[in-house]
Amino acid sequence: MDETLAILDDIVIHNNGAVLTTIVHVEGSSYRKEGTMMLFTKDKQQIGMLSVGCLEEYAAIQAERLWNGNRFS
């Protein structure tokens, strides 16, 4: 819950450039569960954690694509 509040605070602070990622479905074992959130800001800050590292890199790339006007891949 504290992580969620920190993310919401940062959304307000970075109101001109942040992408919120959320885990919506998990199959099998997982480090984090549905509802887990991570915020990526335009100035390269990352708030929260989705996994032990494998999802963050992909999510950061997708956030960068959004800021550059591209669609998800």
PDB file of N, CA and C in Angstrom:
ATOM      1  N   MET A   1       0.815  -1.193   0.000  1.00  0.00           N
ATOM      2  CA  MET A   1       0.000   0.000   0.000  1.00  0.00           C
ATOM      3  C   MET A   1       0.858   1.255   0.000  1.00  0.00           C
ATOM      4  N   ASP A   2       1.971   1.244   0.744  1.00  0.00           N
ATOM      5  CA  ASP A   2       2.850   2.409   0.773  1.00  0.00           C
ATOM      6  C   ASP A   2       3.416   2.699  -0.612  1.00  0.00           C
ATOM      7  N   GLU A   3       3.731   1.621  -1.360  1.00  0.00           N
ATOM      8  CA  GLU A   3       4.258   1.790  -2.717  1.00  0.00           C
ATOM      9  C   GLU A   3       3.212   2.454  -3.615  1.00  0.00           C
ATOM     10  N   THR A   4       1.954   2.064  -3.479  1.00  0.00           N
ATOM     11  CA  THR A   4       0.880   2.657  -4.272  1.00  0.00           C
ATOM     12  C   THR A   4       0.738   4.139  -3.959  1.00  0.00           C
ATOM     13  N   LEU A   5       0.801   4.507  -2.700  1.00  0.00           N
ATOM     14  CA  LEU A   5       0.708   5.921  -2.322  1.00  0.00           C
ATOM     15  C   LEU A   5       1.888   6.720  -2.867  1.00  0.00           C
ATOM     16  N   ALA A   6       3.077   6.142  -2.838  1.00  0.00           N
ATOM     17  CA  ALA A   6       4.248   6.818  -3.390  1.00  0.00           C
ATOM     18  C   ALA A   6       4.087   7.044  -4.884  1.00  0.00           C
ATOM     19  N   ILE A   7       3.549   6.055  -5.582  1.00  0.00           N
ATOM     20  CA  ILE A   7       3.328   6.182  -7.022  1.00  0.00           C
ATOM     21  C   ILE A   7       2.291   7.265  -7.306  1.00  0.00           C
ATOM     22  N   LEU A   8       1.212   7.285  -6.554  1.00  0.00           N
ATOM     23  CA  LEU A   8       0.180   8.308  -6.758  1.00  0.00           C
ATOM     24  C   LEU A   8       0.726   9.710  -6.483  1.00  0.00           C
ATOM     25  N   ASP A   9       1.548   9.858  -5.453  1.00  0.00           N
ATOM     26  CA  ASP A   9       2.185  11.149  -5.184  1.00  0.00           C
ATOM     27  C   ASP A   9       3.046  11.581  -6.360  1.00  0.00           C
ATOM     28  N   ASP A  10       3.814  10.638  -6.930  1.00  0.00           N
ATOM     29  CA  ASP A  10       4.684  10.973  -8.047  1.00  0.00           C
ATOM     30  C   ASP A  10       3.900  11.282  -9.315  1.00  0.00           C
ATOM     31  N   ILE A  11       2.738  10.694  -9.487  1.00  0.00           N
ATOM     32  CA  ILE A  11       1.904  11.033 -10.646  1.00  0.00           C
ATOM     33  C   ILE A  11       1.523  12.510 -10.581  1.00  0.00           C
ATOM     34  N   VAL A  12       1.170  12.976  -9.409  1.00  0.00           N
ATOM     35  CA  VAL A  12       0.814  14.393  -9.239  1.00  0.00           C
ATOM     36  C   VAL A  12       2.022  15.279  -9.518  1.00  0.00           C
ATOM     37  N   ILE A  13       3.175  14.883  -9.015  1.00  0.00           N
ATOM     38  CA  ILE A  13       4.397  15.681  -9.207  1.00  0.00           C
ATOM     39  C   ILE A  13       4.802  15.717 -10.670  1.00  0.00           C
ATOM     40  N   HIS A  14       4.704  14.601 -11.371  1.00  0.00           N
ATOM     41  CA  HIS A  14       5.136  14.497 -12.774  1.00  0.00           C
ATOM     42  C   HIS A  14       3.934  14.544 -13.711  1.00  0.00           C
ATOM     43  N   ASN A  15       3.088  15.501 -13.516  1.00  0.00           N
ATOM     44  CA  ASN A  15       1.839  15.535 -14.277  1.00  0.00           C
ATOM     45  C   ASN A  15       2.034  15.811 -15.765  1.00  0.00           C
ATOM     46  N   ASN A  16       3.255  16.047 -16.207  1.00  0.00           N
ATOM     47  CA  ASN A  16       3.474  16.289 -17.633  1.00  0.00           C
ATOM     48  C   ASN A  16       4.299  15.195 -18.303  1.00  0.00           C
ATOM     49  N   GLY A  17       4.514  14.089 -17.641  1.00  0.00           N
ATOM     50  CA  GLY A  17       5.297  13.059 -18.294  1.00  0.00           C
ATOM     51  C   GLY A  17       5.537  11.827 -17.447  1.00  0.00           C
ATOM     52  N   ALA A  18       4.527  11.001 -17.300  1.00  0.00           N
ATOM     53  CA  ALA A  18       4.695   9.754 -16.562  1.00  0.00           C
ATOM     54  C   ALA A  18       3.812   8.681 -17.184  1.00  0.00           C
ATOM     55  N   VAL A  19       4.307   7.454 -17.159  1.00  0.00           N
ATOM     56  CA  VAL A  19       3.550   6.313 -17.648  1.00  0.00           C
ATOM     57  C   VAL A  19       3.389   5.342 -16.490  1.00  0.00           C
ATOM     58  N   LEU A  20       2.147   4.972 -16.208  1.00  0.00           N
ATOM     59  CA  LEU A  20       1.848   4.022 -15.139  1.00  0.00           C
ATOM     60  C   LEU A  20       1.637   2.644 -15.739  1.00  0.00           C
ATOM     61  N   THR A  21       2.387   1.668 -15.252  1.00  0.00           N
ATOM     62  CA  THR A  21       2.210   0.288 -15.692  1.00  0.00           C
ATOM     63  C   THR A  21       1.587  -0.505 -14.545  1.00  0.00           C
ATOM     64  N   THR A  22       0.723  -1.438 -14.891  1.00  0.00           N
ATOM     65  CA  THR A  22       0.033  -2.240 -13.883  1.00  0.00           C
ATOM     66  C   THR A  22      -0.041  -3.693 -14.350  1.00  0.00           C
ATOM     67  N   ILE A  23       0.269  -4.612 -13.465  1.00  0.00           N
ATOM     68  CA  ILE A  23       0.098  -6.036 -13.761  1.00  0.00           C
ATOM     69  C   ILE A  23      -1.389  -6.342 -13.649  1.00  0.00           C
ATOM     70  N   VAL A  24      -1.972  -6.848 -14.728  1.00  0.00           N
ATOM     71  CA  VAL A  24      -3.412  -7.120 -14.724  1.00  0.00           C
ATOM     72  C   VAL A  24      -3.740  -8.606 -14.708  1.00  0.00           C
ATOM     73  N   HIS A  25      -2.769  -9.468 -15.051  1.00  0.00           N
ATOM     74  CA  HIS A  25      -3.043 -10.910 -15.053  1.00  0.00           C
ATOM     75  C   HIS A  25      -1.733 -11.661 -14.847  1.00  0.00           C
ATOM     76  N   VAL A  26      -1.778 -12.676 -14.023  1.00  0.00           N
ATOM     77  CA  VAL A  26      -0.610 -13.516 -13.758  1.00  0.00           C
ATOM     78  C   VAL A  26      -1.024 -14.973 -13.891  1.00  0.00           C
ATOM     79  N   GLU A  27      -0.205 -15.756 -14.582  1.00  0.00           N
ATOM     80  CA  GLU A  27      -0.407 -17.204 -14.652  1.00  0.00           C
ATOM     81  C   GLU A  27       0.811 -17.873 -14.040  1.00  0.00           C
ATOM     82  N   GLY A  28       0.585 -18.865 -13.229  1.00  0.00           N
ATOM     83  CA  GLY A  28       1.697 -19.563 -12.587  1.00  0.00           C
ATOM     84  C   GLY A  28       2.276 -18.758 -11.443  1.00  0.00           C
ATOM     85  N   SER A  29       3.493 -19.121 -11.051  1.00  0.00           N
ATOM     86  CA  SER A  29       4.134 -18.421  -9.942  1.00  0.00           C
ATOM     87  C   SER A  29       4.678 -17.083 -10.434  1.00  0.00           C
ATOM     88  N   SER A  30       4.683 -16.120  -9.537  1.00  0.00           N
ATOM     89  CA  SER A  30       5.095 -14.770  -9.897  1.00  0.00           C
ATOM     90  C   SER A  30       5.613 -14.068  -8.657  1.00  0.00           C
ATOM     91  N   TYR A  31       6.610 -13.199  -8.857  1.00  0.00           N
ATOM     92  CA  TYR A  31       7.152 -12.417  -7.750  1.00  0.00           C
ATOM     93  C   TYR A  31       6.118 -11.435  -7.220  1.00  0.00           C
ATOM     94  N   ARG A  32       5.388 -10.782  -8.130  1.00  0.00           N
ATOM     95  CA  ARG A  32       4.353  -9.821  -7.751  1.00  0.00           C
ATOM     96  C   ARG A  32       3.020 -10.267  -8.337  1.00  0.00           C
ATOM     97  N   LYS A  33       1.939  -9.755  -7.814  1.00  0.00           N
ATOM     98  CA  LYS A  33       0.595 -10.191  -8.203  1.00  0.00           C
ATOM     99  C   LYS A  33      -0.157  -9.101  -8.963  1.00  0.00           C
ATOM    100  N   GLU A  34      -1.383  -9.433  -9.408  1.00  0.00           N
ATOM    101  CA  GLU A  34      -2.239  -8.480 -10.099  1.00  0.00           C
ATOM    102  C   GLU A  34      -2.413  -7.229  -9.238  1.00  0.00           C
ATOM    103  N   GLY A  35      -2.420  -6.079  -9.907  1.00  0.00           N
ATOM    104  CA  GLY A  35      -2.580  -4.810  -9.211  1.00  0.00           C
ATOM    105  C   GLY A  35      -1.275  -4.120  -8.886  1.00  0.00           C
ATOM    106  N   THR A  36      -0.155  -4.830  -9.023  1.00  0.00           N
ATOM    107  CA  THR A  36       1.150  -4.218  -8.775  1.00  0.00           C
ATOM    108  C   THR A  36       1.398  -3.128  -9.812  1.00  0.00           C
ATOM    109  N   MET A  37       1.889  -1.965  -9.359  1.00  0.00           N
ATOM    110  CA  MET A  37       2.094  -0.839 -10.261  1.00  0.00           C
ATOM    111  C   MET A  37       3.549  -0.350 -10.230  1.00  0.00           C
ATOM    112  N   MET A  38       3.946   0.261 -11.328  1.00  0.00           N
ATOM    113  CA  MET A  38       5.252   0.910 -11.430  1.00  0.00           C
ATOM    114  C   MET A  38       5.083   2.138 -12.290  1.00  0.00           C
ATOM    115  N   LEU A  39       5.722   3.227 -11.888  1.00  0.00           N
ATOM    116  CA  LEU A  39       5.630   4.493 -12.612  1.00  0.00           C
ATOM    117  C   LEU A  39       6.962   4.793 -13.275  1.00  0.00           C
ATOM    118  N   PHE A  40       6.912   5.181 -14.547  1.00  0.00           N
ATOM    119  CA  PHE A  40       8.083   5.615 -15.297  1.00  0.00           C
ATOM    120  C   PHE A  40       7.891   7.092 -15.627  1.00  0.00           C
ATOM    121  N   THR A  41       8.873   7.929 -15.301  1.00  0.00           N
ATOM    122  CA  THR A  41       8.769   9.356 -15.597  1.00  0.00           C
ATOM    123  C   THR A  41       9.665   9.704 -16.777  1.00  0.00           C
ATOM    124  N   LYS A  42       9.360  10.822 -17.412  1.00  0.00           N
ATOM    125  CA  LYS A  42      10.144  11.247 -18.571  1.00  0.00           C
ATOM    126  C   LYS A  42      11.598  11.509 -18.214  1.00  0.00           C
ATOM    127  N   ASP A  43      11.855  11.859 -16.962  1.00  0.00           N
ATOM    128  CA  ASP A  43      13.240  12.114 -16.553  1.00  0.00           C
ATOM    129  C   ASP A  43      13.930  10.840 -16.045  1.00  0.00           C
ATOM    130  N   LYS A  44      13.415   9.688 -16.477  1.00  0.00           N
ATOM    131  CA  LYS A  44      14.026   8.365 -16.270  1.00  0.00           C
ATOM    132  C   LYS A  44      13.927   7.840 -14.837  1.00  0.00           C
ATOM    133  N   GLN A  45      13.062   8.394 -14.018  1.00  0.00           N
ATOM    134  CA  GLN A  45      12.848   7.825 -12.691  1.00  0.00           C
ATOM    135  C   GLN A  45      11.903   6.636 -12.804  1.00  0.00           C
ATOM    136  N   GLN A  46      12.116   5.660 -11.944  1.00  0.00           N
ATOM    137  CA  GLN A  46      11.245   4.497 -11.869  1.00  0.00           C
ATOM    138  C   GLN A  46      10.814   4.340 -10.419  1.00  0.00           C
ATOM    139  N   ILE A  47       9.515   4.374 -10.194  1.00  0.00           N
ATOM    140  CA  ILE A  47       8.965   4.269  -8.854  1.00  0.00           C
ATOM    141  C   ILE A  47       8.147   2.991  -8.785  1.00  0.00           C
ATOM    142  N   GLY A  48       8.466   2.126  -7.825  1.00  0.00           N
ATOM    143  CA  GLY A  48       7.786   0.848  -7.707  1.00  0.00           C
ATOM    144  C   GLY A  48       8.587  -0.253  -8.374  1.00  0.00           C
ATOM    145  N   MET A  49       8.018  -1.456  -8.369  1.00  0.00           N
ATOM    146  CA  MET A  49       8.699  -2.606  -8.940  1.00  0.00           C
ATOM    147  C   MET A  49       7.657  -3.614  -9.416  1.00  0.00           C
ATOM    148  N   LEU A  50       7.832  -4.115 -10.640  1.00  0.00           N
ATOM    149  CA  LEU A  50       6.907  -5.099 -11.201  1.00  0.00           C
ATOM    150  C   LEU A  50       7.378  -6.527 -10.970  1.00  0.00           C
ATOM    151  N   SER A  51       8.672  -6.735 -11.030  1.00  0.00           N
ATOM    152  CA  SER A  51       9.222  -8.087 -10.929  1.00  0.00           C
ATOM    153  C   SER A  51      10.634  -7.972 -10.379  1.00  0.00           C
ATOM    154  N   VAL A  52      11.384  -9.030 -10.498  1.00  0.00           N
ATOM    155  CA  VAL A  52      12.784  -8.981 -10.068  1.00  0.00           C
ATOM    156  C   VAL A  52      13.688  -8.494 -11.199  1.00  0.00           C
ATOM    157  N   GLY A  53      13.125  -7.847 -12.197  1.00  0.00           N
ATOM    158  CA  GLY A  53      13.935  -7.217 -13.230  1.00  0.00           C
ATOM    159  C   GLY A  53      13.541  -7.484 -14.662  1.00  0.00           C
ATOM    160  N   CYS A  54      12.836  -8.570 -14.930  1.00  0.00           N
ATOM    161  CA  CYS A  54      12.582  -8.933 -16.327  1.00  0.00           C
ATOM    162  C   CYS A  54      11.500  -8.073 -16.978  1.00  0.00           C
ATOM    163  N   LEU A  55      10.542  -7.580 -16.247  1.00  0.00           N
ATOM    164  CA  LEU A  55       9.472  -6.774 -16.846  1.00  0.00           C
ATOM    165  C   LEU A  55       9.815  -5.292 -16.917  1.00  0.00           C
ATOM    166  N   GLU A  56      10.638  -4.819 -15.997  1.00  0.00           N
ATOM    167  CA  GLU A  56      10.939  -3.389 -15.943  1.00  0.00           C
ATOM    168  C   GLU A  56      11.590  -2.870 -17.220  1.00  0.00           C
ATOM    169  N   GLU A  57      12.523  -3.612 -17.752  1.00  0.00           N
ATOM    170  CA  GLU A  57      13.200  -3.174 -18.974  1.00  0.00           C
ATOM    171  C   GLU A  57      12.215  -3.049 -20.136  1.00  0.00           C
ATOM    172  N   TYR A  58      11.358  -4.041 -20.293  1.00  0.00           N
ATOM    173  CA  TYR A  58      10.356  -4.003 -21.355  1.00  0.00           C
ATOM    174  C   TYR A  58       9.397  -2.823 -21.148  1.00  0.00           C
ATOM    175  N   ALA A  59       8.940  -2.630 -19.920  1.00  0.00           N
ATOM    176  CA  ALA A  59       8.016  -1.529 -19.632  1.00  0.00           C
ATOM    177  C   ALA A  59       8.678  -0.178 -19.869  1.00  0.00           C
ATOM    178  N   ALA A  60       9.948  -0.035 -19.532  1.00  0.00           N
ATOM    179  CA  ALA A  60      10.666   1.228 -19.762  1.00  0.00           C
ATOM    180  C   ALA A  60      10.764   1.529 -21.253  1.00  0.00           C
ATOM    181  N   ILE A  61      11.006   0.502 -22.062  1.00  0.00           N
ATOM    182  CA  ILE A  61      11.071   0.676 -23.520  1.00  0.00           C
ATOM    183  C   ILE A  61       9.710   1.121 -24.058  1.00  0.00           C
ATOM    184  N   GLN A  62       8.637   0.510 -23.574  1.00  0.00           N
ATOM    185  CA  GLN A  62       7.297   0.877 -24.029  1.00  0.00           C
ATOM    186  C   GLN A  62       6.939   2.296 -23.598  1.00  0.00           C
ATOM    187  N   ALA A  63       7.334   2.703 -22.400  1.00  0.00           N
ATOM    188  CA  ALA A  63       7.092   4.077 -21.941  1.00  0.00           C
ATOM    189  C   ALA A  63       7.807   5.060 -22.857  1.00  0.00           C
ATOM    190  N   GLU A  64       9.044   4.769 -23.203  1.00  0.00           N
ATOM    191  CA  GLU A  64       9.818   5.633 -24.107  1.00  0.00           C
ATOM    192  C   GLU A  64       9.140   5.728 -25.474  1.00  0.00           C
ATOM    193  N   ARG A  65       8.610   4.618 -25.964  1.00  0.00           N
ATOM    194  CA  ARG A  65       7.903   4.624 -27.251  1.00  0.00           C
ATOM    195  C   ARG A  65       6.675   5.542 -27.182  1.00  0.00           C
ATOM    196  N   LEU A  66       5.955   5.485 -26.070  1.00  0.00           N
ATOM    197  CA  LEU A  66       4.783   6.356 -25.909  1.00  0.00           C
ATOM    198  C   LEU A  66       5.180   7.825 -25.938  1.00  0.00           C
ATOM    199  N   TRP A  67       6.245   8.178 -25.235  1.00  0.00           N
ATOM    200  CA  TRP A  67       6.684   9.578 -25.205  1.00  0.00           C
ATOM    201  C   TRP A  67       7.150  10.045 -26.580  1.00  0.00           C
ATOM    202  N   ASN A  68       7.627   9.112 -27.400  1.00  0.00           N
ATOM    203  CA  ASN A  68       8.071   9.461 -28.749  1.00  0.00           C
ATOM    204  C   ASN A  68       6.959   9.393 -29.778  1.00  0.00           C
ATOM    205  N   GLY A  69       5.722   9.161 -29.312  1.00  0.00           N
ATOM    206  CA  GLY A  69       4.566   9.161 -30.211  1.00  0.00           C
ATOM    207  C   GLY A  69       4.345   7.849 -30.944  1.00  0.00           C
ATOM    208  N   ASN A  70       4.991   6.776 -30.503  1.00  0.00           N
ATOM    209  CA  ASN A  70       4.818   5.474 -31.140  1.00  0.00           C
ATOM    210  C   ASN A  70       3.816   4.633 -30.357  1.00  0.00           C
ATOM    211  N   ARG A  71       3.358   3.570 -30.997  1.00  0.00           N
ATOM    212  CA  ARG A  71       2.447   2.636 -30.346  1.00  0.00           C
ATOM    213  C   ARG A  71       3.247   1.544 -29.661  1.00  0.00           C
ATOM    214  N   PHE A  72       2.539   0.761 -28.834  1.00  0.00           N
ATOM    215  CA  PHE A  72       3.163  -0.388 -28.192  1.00  0.00           C
ATOM    216  C   PHE A  72       3.584  -1.395 -29.254  1.00  0.00           C
ATOM    217  N   SER A  73       4.613  -2.165 -28.928  1.00  0.00           N
ATOM    218  CA  SER A  73       5.028  -3.236 -29.846  1.00  0.00           C
ATOM    219  C   SER A  73       4.825  -4.580 -29.186  1.00  0.00           C
TER     220      SER A  73
END
